Amino acid sequence: MMKKTVLMLFVGLLSLGIYAQETAKIEFKSETIDYGEIERGSDGVRVFEFTNTGDVPLVISNVRSSCGCTIPKKPEEPIMPGKVGKIEVKYDTNRVGPIRKAITVTSNADTPTKVLKIKGTVKNPGAK
């Protein structure tokens, strides 16, 4: 009886191990981009770089922002294992004041939802 239980456990773990390996994994270089202090009307484009550290193609199905002032752009093609992908974020720098926004990334990775953040401050160069 003991041998059968051990064998079942081993087979169970083996199949779990095989299943667990077949995933895409998304690993961001940084999950926060700090714009720092930037001038009003300056270039608001920044890039989040990530790597698919899994062993199946990574498909990003959706990237959305917490506000219309931030426009994220997702890669259209699947990111192959070991390859680097980019999510471009464009912030409307005509809005003076603090930047505190979240970008939600949905994919087929083992962590299906990731929240990226952008922060910083847009200064009005003419104001004293």
Foldseek 3Di string as FASTA:
>chain_A
DVVVVVVVVVVVVVVVVVVVQQFWAKAWPALEAEPAEAEAPDWQKDKIKIAGQGAAWKAWDDKDKPDPQKDKDADHDTAHHGGMGIIMIGGNRNDFFWAWMWMWIAIRGPPRIDIGIYIYGYHHVVDD
